[in-house]
Amino acid sequence: MKQAGATRLTRAIYGAIVAAVIAMAVCAMGAAGEQDSEEEPLGEIIVRGIVAEVIKSDKVIRLNLGAPQPHHRFAALIYPEFFGVFSNLDQLAGKTVQLMGTVTEIGGRPQIILKEPRQLAVWRNPRAASLAPKLAGEKAVVRGIVAEVARSDNLVRLNLGAKAPDHRAAAIIYPEHFESFPDLDKLVGKPVEISGELLDMPDRKTVLLTNKQQIAMLRPELALPADAVEPPRTTGERKTVRGLVAEVLKSDRVIRINLGEKAPNHRYSAVIYPKHFDAFDGVESWEGRIVEIEGEVAEVGGRPQIVLVATNQVAFLDLKRKTVSKTK
């Protein structure tokens, strides 16, 4: 009886070992034999899409397009014998690529196996490039607070003063220079000065950016529009406005008095240009006071403003004493 029991136990252990070995073999075949499970080729095509993720292992490198696995629409596979053919694959995440090759299906998912560099390229939209605005043939300097960094596959735009379409000026970066500007999102909310060649765009001053030396950080009080030293042309309209002086911004080019709120949310402003600076000594003390300003209206960057040339254009409204005092 003891011998029979021992025999049954030995057989059970042996059977368990055999089952485990078979299971391990099946798993190994499934992991290593993905390439061998291909179905019949579906034909050679060109595919474009955004690389959602790059997954690497010892057995395969996978570029999933459209969405991460398992929700991806398409995939590109690179097997170990071709690992050395492709470099910097991690940098493709988030970029639009063009794949070329024979499409096969594995598990119902279409894919291309990459073996040569010519099969993989970062895609630049030729139509978008041909529609890019031309240079206007002059250089400019624009200043302002970066309201947003807007991105697409073919363009990065820094909008100054306000978000599009209410921005006052902009700077544009094209794909060939994307990598020169790695930290643009950190500029949002900060005052900058951008210099460079103007693009021929009718609605806003737009500067072409090709290197990061074109962007300089400014102190907040200098984040003013890069207006000409001389006042802009007036509209011919005269207007009287009242409001709380939210801030007085000074630079060597212009003094700006913003009413209601600080830039870029102010509703109106008054500006003083250098040849009249001496007439408005002590203008910093206007902050927090309620004023009435009268004069000709000019427009800079889509914002109405009054140009101050004489002190009698400004009156302070003392609400407590219900009196009006003219500037001295």
Protein backbone atom coordinates (compact mmCIF):
# COMPACT_ATOMS: atom_id res chain seq x y z
CA MET A 1 0.00 0.00 0.00
CA LYS A 2 2.79 2.35 0.90
CA GLN A 3 4.55 1.58 -2.39
CA ALA A 4 1.36 2.22 -4.41
CA GLY A 5 0.81 5.54 -2.62
CA ALA A 6 4.37 6.59 -3.33
CA THR A 7 3.94 5.68 -6.99
CA ARG A 8 0.77 7.79 -7.28
CA LEU A 9 2.53 10.74 -5.60
CA THR A 10 5.51 10.42 -7.95
CA ARG A 11 3.20 10.39 -10.98
CA ALA A 12 1.34 13.47 -9.72
CA ILE A 13 4.56 15.41 -9.20
CA TYR A 14 5.87 14.34 -12.61
CA GLY A 15 2.59 15.38 -14.27
CA ALA A 16 2.70 18.80 -12.60
CA ILE A 17 6.28 19.34 -13.75
CA VAL A 18 5.41 18.38 -17.35
CA ALA A 19 2.37 20.72 -17.33
CA ALA A 20 4.48 23.58 -16.00
CA VAL A 21 7.14 23.03 -18.66
CA ILE A 22 4.50 22.98 -21.42
CA ALA A 23 2.90 26.18 -20.06
CA MET A 24 6.27 27.93 -19.92
CA ALA A 25 7.02 26.87 -23.49
CA VAL A 26 3.68 28.20 -24.72
CA CYS A 27 4.24 31.53 -22.96
CA ALA A 28 7.73 31.81 -24.39
CA MET A 29 6.44 31.12 -27.89
CA GLY A 30 3.75 33.75 -27.48
CA ALA A 31 6.24 36.37 -26.28
CA ALA A 32 9.00 35.65 -28.75
CA GLY A 33 6.96 34.55 -31.73
CA GLU A 34 4.88 37.66 -32.38
CA GLN A 35 6.65 38.19 -35.69
CA ASP A 36 5.86 34.61 -36.77
CA SER A 37 2.12 35.08 -36.15
CA GLU A 38 1.71 37.56 -39.00
CA GLU A 39 -1.14 37.04 -41.41
CA GLU A 40 -0.87 37.50 -45.15
CA PRO A 41 0.39 40.98 -46.21
CA LEU A 42 -2.38 43.44 -47.06
CA GLY A 43 -0.32 45.52 -49.49
CA GLU A 44 2.13 48.44 -49.37
CA ILE A 45 0.78 51.83 -48.31
CA ILE A 46 1.76 55.17 -46.73
CA VAL A 47 0.30 55.95 -43.30
CA ARG A 48 0.44 59.22 -41.36
CA GLY A 49 -0.45 59.74 -37.73
CA ILE A 50 0.60 61.10 -34.35
CA VAL A 51 2.85 58.82 -32.30
CA ALA A 52 0.94 58.33 -29.03
CA GLU A 53 3.64 56.24 -27.36
CA VAL A 54 6.92 54.43 -27.96
CA ILE A 55 7.14 51.07 -26.16
CA LYS A 56 10.50 49.31 -25.95
CA SER A 57 11.44 45.78 -24.93
CA ASP A 58 14.24 43.34 -25.73
CA LYS A 59 12.03 41.66 -28.33
CA VAL A 60 10.35 44.56 -30.11
CA ILE A 61 10.04 48.36 -30.31
CA ARG A 62 6.48 49.51 -30.93
CA LEU A 63 5.28 52.90 -32.14
CA ASN A 64 1.54 53.19 -31.49
CA LEU A 65 -0.30 55.77 -33.57
CA GLY A 66 -3.46 57.64 -32.64
CA ALA A 67 -3.77 56.43 -29.04
CA PRO A 68 -1.85 54.32 -26.52
CA GLN A 69 -2.18 50.54 -26.59
CA PRO A 70 -4.70 48.85 -26.73
CA HIS A 71 -6.68 51.70 -28.30
CA HIS A 72 -4.14 52.56 -31.01
CA ARG A 73 -5.30 52.75 -34.63
CA PHE A 74 -2.05 51.61 -36.18
CA ALA A 75 1.40 50.43 -35.11
CA ALA A 76 4.94 50.25 -36.42
CA LEU A 77 7.14 47.41 -35.18
CA ILE A 78 10.92 47.16 -35.15
CA TYR A 79 12.50 43.80 -34.33
CA PRO A 80 15.91 43.32 -32.68
CA GLU A 81 17.90 42.75 -35.87
CA PHE A 82 16.91 46.28 -36.96
CA PHE A 83 17.25 48.11 -33.61
CA GLY A 84 20.54 49.66 -34.71
CA VAL A 85 19.01 51.08 -37.88
CA PHE A 86 16.78 53.58 -36.02
CA SER A 87 17.86 56.19 -33.45
CA ASN A 88 16.15 58.78 -31.22
CA LEU A 89 12.81 56.98 -31.41
CA ASP A 90 11.71 58.33 -28.00
CA GLN A 91 11.72 61.84 -29.50
CA LEU A 92 8.92 60.86 -31.89
CA ALA A 93 6.26 60.80 -29.15
CA GLY A 94 3.69 63.50 -29.90
CA LYS A 95 4.94 64.09 -33.44
CA THR A 96 3.26 63.31 -36.74
CA VAL A 97 5.12 60.63 -38.67
CA GLN A 98 4.83 59.08 -42.10
CA LEU A 99 5.22 55.30 -42.35
CA MET A 100 5.79 53.43 -45.57
CA GLY A 101 5.73 49.70 -46.08
CA THR A 102 3.72 46.52 -46.34
CA VAL A 103 0.75 46.36 -44.00
CA THR A 104 0.07 43.17 -42.10
CA GLU A 105 -2.37 42.28 -39.35
CA ILE A 106 -1.65 40.79 -35.94
CA GLY A 107 -4.58 40.25 -33.61
CA GLY A 108 -6.81 42.23 -35.96
CA ARG A 109 -4.59 45.33 -35.77
CA PRO A 110 -2.91 46.76 -38.90
CA GLN A 111 0.81 47.42 -38.64
CA ILE A 112 3.98 47.99 -40.60
CA ILE A 113 7.29 46.32 -39.82
CA LEU A 114 10.16 48.80 -40.12
CA LYS A 115 13.49 47.62 -41.47
CA GLU A 116 14.92 50.69 -43.26
CA PRO A 117 15.17 54.39 -42.28
CA ARG A 118 13.34 55.43 -45.45
CA GLN A 119 10.19 53.80 -44.06
CA LEU A 120 9.94 56.29 -41.18
CA ALA A 121 9.96 60.09 -41.36
CA VAL A 122 8.65 63.03 -39.35
CA TRP A 123 5.98 64.48 -41.59
CA ARG A 124 5.97 68.13 -42.61
CA ASN A 125 2.80 69.24 -44.34
CA PRO A 126 4.04 70.65 -47.67
CA ARG A 127 0.80 72.54 -48.23
CA ALA A 128 1.10 74.24 -44.84
CA ALA A 129 4.68 75.19 -45.64
CA SER A 130 3.67 76.68 -48.98
CA LEU A 131 0.97 78.74 -47.27
CA ALA A 132 3.36 80.13 -44.65
CA PRO A 133 3.42 83.94 -44.79
CA LYS A 134 6.41 85.59 -46.40
CA LEU A 135 8.83 87.90 -44.62
CA ALA A 136 7.84 91.55 -44.77
CA GLY A 137 11.44 92.66 -45.30
CA GLU A 138 11.78 94.57 -42.01
CA LYS A 139 12.67 93.85 -38.41
CA ALA A 140 10.67 94.71 -35.31
CA VAL A 141 10.64 94.45 -31.53
CA VAL A 142 7.44 93.53 -29.71
CA ARG A 143 6.90 93.53 -25.97
CA GLY A 144 4.13 92.10 -23.86
CA ILE A 145 2.93 89.40 -21.51
CA VAL A 146 2.72 85.94 -23.07
CA ALA A 147 -0.99 85.13 -22.85
CA GLU A 148 -0.78 81.67 -24.42
CA VAL A 149 1.39 79.23 -26.34
CA ALA A 150 -0.75 77.68 -29.09
CA ARG A 151 0.58 74.53 -30.77
CA SER A 152 -0.13 72.48 -33.87
CA ASP A 153 1.91 70.05 -35.96
CA ASN A 154 2.94 72.84 -38.32
CA LEU A 155 3.18 75.87 -36.06
CA VAL A 156 3.81 77.18 -32.55
CA ARG A 157 2.42 80.64 -31.81
CA LEU A 158 3.17 82.88 -28.83
CA ASN A 159 0.31 85.35 -28.44
CA LEU A 160 1.08 88.53 -26.51
CA GLY A 161 -1.33 90.69 -24.53
CA ALA A 162 -4.33 88.38 -24.83
CA LYS A 163 -5.33 85.01 -26.24
CA ALA A 164 -6.26 84.74 -29.91
CA PRO A 165 -8.12 86.36 -31.57
CA ASP A 166 -7.68 89.34 -29.22
CA HIS A 167 -3.88 89.19 -29.01
CA ARG A 168 -1.92 92.38 -29.68
CA ALA A 169 1.14 90.78 -31.28
CA ALA A 170 2.54 87.30 -31.87
CA ALA A 171 5.66 85.29 -32.58
CA ILE A 172 5.67 82.19 -34.77
CA ILE A 173 7.94 79.13 -34.81
CA TYR A 174 7.91 76.66 -37.71
CA PRO A 175 8.66 72.91 -37.30
CA GLU A 176 12.31 73.05 -38.35
CA HIS A 177 12.99 75.18 -35.25
CA PHE A 178 10.70 73.44 -32.71
CA GLU A 179 13.62 71.77 -30.93
CA SER A 180 15.34 75.13 -30.33
CA PHE A 181 12.50 76.17 -28.01
CA PRO A 182 11.97 73.36 -25.45
CA ASP A 183 10.48 75.36 -22.55
CA LEU A 184 7.98 77.73 -24.15
CA ASP A 185 5.13 76.85 -21.78
CA LYS A 186 7.12 78.39 -18.92
CA LEU A 187 6.75 81.81 -20.60
CA VAL A 188 2.97 81.98 -20.14
CA GLY A 189 2.11 84.92 -17.89
CA LYS A 190 5.59 86.44 -18.12
CA PRO A 191 6.68 89.70 -19.78
CA VAL A 192 8.99 89.28 -22.76
CA GLU A 193 10.66 91.24 -25.51
CA ILE A 194 10.82 89.47 -28.88
CA SER A 195 12.93 90.74 -31.75
CA GLY A 196 13.21 89.47 -35.29
CA GLU A 197 11.98 89.68 -38.84
CA LEU A 198 8.35 90.59 -39.38
CA LEU A 199 6.08 88.24 -41.28
CA ASP A 200 3.77 89.73 -43.88
CA MET A 201 0.52 89.33 -41.94
CA PRO A 202 -2.14 92.05 -42.14
CA ASP A 203 -3.87 91.83 -38.77
CA ARG A 204 -1.13 91.78 -36.09
CA LYS A 205 2.59 92.36 -35.77
CA THR A 206 4.03 88.85 -36.04
CA VAL A 207 7.72 88.04 -35.58
CA LEU A 208 9.43 84.93 -36.95
CA LEU A 209 11.39 83.00 -34.28
CA THR A 210 14.34 80.84 -35.29
CA ASN A 211 16.52 80.86 -32.14
CA LYS A 212 15.89 81.40 -28.44
CA GLN A 213 18.23 84.42 -28.27
CA GLN A 214 15.39 86.39 -29.89
CA ILE A 215 13.39 86.19 -26.64
CA ALA A 216 14.40 88.28 -23.63
CA MET A 217 12.69 88.36 -20.24
CA LEU A 218 11.57 91.78 -19.00
CA ARG A 219 10.70 93.37 -15.71
CA PRO A 220 6.90 93.67 -15.46
CA GLU A 221 6.93 97.45 -15.79
CA LEU A 222 8.67 97.15 -19.16
CA ALA A 223 6.16 94.76 -20.70
CA LEU A 224 4.68 97.50 -22.84
CA PRO A 225 3.77 97.54 -26.50
CA ALA A 226 6.78 98.39 -28.64
CA ASP A 227 5.11 101.52 -29.98
CA ALA A 228 7.06 104.05 -31.96
CA VAL A 229 8.64 106.89 -29.99
CA GLU A 230 6.25 109.23 -31.73
CA PRO A 231 2.52 108.82 -31.05
CA PRO A 232 0.53 106.64 -33.45
CA ARG A 233 -1.96 108.26 -35.75
CA THR A 234 -5.16 109.30 -34.03
CA THR A 235 -8.60 108.35 -35.29
CA GLY A 236 -9.81 111.96 -35.31
CA GLU A 237 -12.25 111.18 -32.50
CA ARG A 238 -12.09 112.95 -29.13
CA LYS A 239 -13.28 111.20 -26.04
CA THR A 240 -13.55 111.63 -22.28
CA VAL A 241 -13.09 108.57 -20.08
CA ARG A 242 -13.23 108.07 -16.34
CA GLY A 243 -11.82 105.26 -14.28
CA LEU A 244 -9.58 103.99 -11.52
CA VAL A 245 -5.89 104.04 -12.40
CA ALA A 246 -4.98 100.37 -11.96
CA GLU A 247 -1.30 100.79 -12.85
CA VAL A 248 1.26 103.17 -14.31
CA LEU A 249 3.87 101.43 -16.47
CA LYS A 250 7.03 103.29 -17.43
CA SER A 251 9.83 102.66 -19.90
CA ASP A 252 12.16 104.89 -21.88
CA ARG A 253 9.74 104.64 -24.82
CA VAL A 254 6.33 105.28 -23.30
CA ILE A 255 4.39 105.80 -20.07
CA ARG A 256 1.12 103.90 -20.01
CA ILE A 257 -1.75 104.56 -17.59
CA ASN A 258 -4.14 101.60 -17.55
CA LEU A 259 -7.68 102.15 -16.31
CA GLY A 260 -10.01 99.64 -14.69
CA GLU A 261 -7.60 96.70 -14.50
CA LYS A 262 -3.96 95.92 -15.07
CA ALA A 263 -2.75 94.82 -18.50
CA PRO A 264 -3.76 92.82 -20.40
CA ASN A 265 -7.28 93.11 -18.94
CA HIS A 266 -7.47 96.92 -18.86
CA ARG A 267 -10.45 98.44 -20.63
CA TYR A 268 -8.81 101.73 -21.61
CA SER A 269 -5.45 103.43 -21.34
CA ALA A 270 -3.68 106.74 -21.73
CA VAL A 271 -0.14 107.04 -23.07
CA ILE A 272 2.58 109.65 -22.75
CA TYR A 273 5.49 109.70 -25.21
CA PRO A 274 9.05 110.86 -24.41
CA LYS A 275 8.84 114.46 -25.58
CA HIS A 276 6.06 115.05 -23.02
CA PHE A 277 7.55 113.09 -20.09
CA ASP A 278 8.68 116.26 -18.28
CA ALA A 279 5.15 117.67 -18.26
CA PHE A 280 3.87 114.70 -16.25
CA ASP A 281 6.35 114.54 -13.39
CA GLY A 282 5.09 112.34 -10.54
CA VAL A 283 2.73 110.31 -12.71
CA GLU A 284 3.40 107.23 -10.52
CA SER A 285 1.27 108.80 -7.78
CA TRP A 286 -1.81 108.43 -9.98
CA GLU A 287 -2.16 104.73 -9.13
CA GLY A 288 -5.29 104.06 -7.09
CA ARG A 289 -6.89 107.40 -7.93
CA ILE A 290 -10.00 108.02 -10.01
CA VAL A 291 -9.30 110.20 -13.02
CA GLU A 292 -11.06 111.82 -15.91
CA ILE A 293 -9.00 111.90 -19.11
CA GLU A 294 -9.91 113.77 -22.28
CA GLY A 295 -8.19 113.77 -25.64
CA GLU A 296 -7.82 112.32 -29.12
CA VAL A 297 -8.26 108.58 -29.48
CA ALA A 298 -5.53 106.45 -31.04
CA GLU A 299 -5.52 102.70 -31.53
CA VAL A 300 -2.52 100.43 -30.95
CA GLY A 301 -2.84 96.67 -31.35
CA GLY A 302 -6.62 96.92 -31.42
CA ARG A 303 -6.78 98.74 -28.05
CA PRO A 304 -8.23 102.29 -27.80
CA GLN A 305 -6.12 104.81 -25.94
CA ILE A 306 -5.82 108.54 -25.41
CA VAL A 307 -2.53 110.28 -26.12
CA LEU A 308 -1.60 112.77 -23.38
CA VAL A 309 0.36 115.85 -24.44
CA ALA A 310 -0.76 118.41 -21.82
CA THR A 311 -1.62 118.27 -18.13
CA ASN A 312 -5.00 119.94 -18.61
CA GLN A 313 -6.23 116.71 -20.23
CA VAL A 314 -6.33 115.04 -16.80
CA ALA A 315 -8.57 115.76 -13.81
CA PHE A 316 -8.66 113.90 -10.50
CA LEU A 317 -12.09 113.14 -9.10
CA ASP A 318 -12.14 113.39 -5.30
CA LEU A 319 -15.35 111.55 -4.48
CA LYS A 320 -15.22 112.25 -0.74
CA ARG A 321 -15.09 116.03 -1.13
CA LYS A 322 -17.09 115.98 -4.37
CA THR A 323 -14.56 118.26 -6.03
CA VAL A 324 -12.57 118.06 -9.20
CA SER A 325 -8.92 119.08 -9.16
CA LYS A 326 -6.92 119.67 -12.31
CA THR A 327 -3.31 118.50 -12.51
CA LYS A 328 -0.79 121.19 -11.79
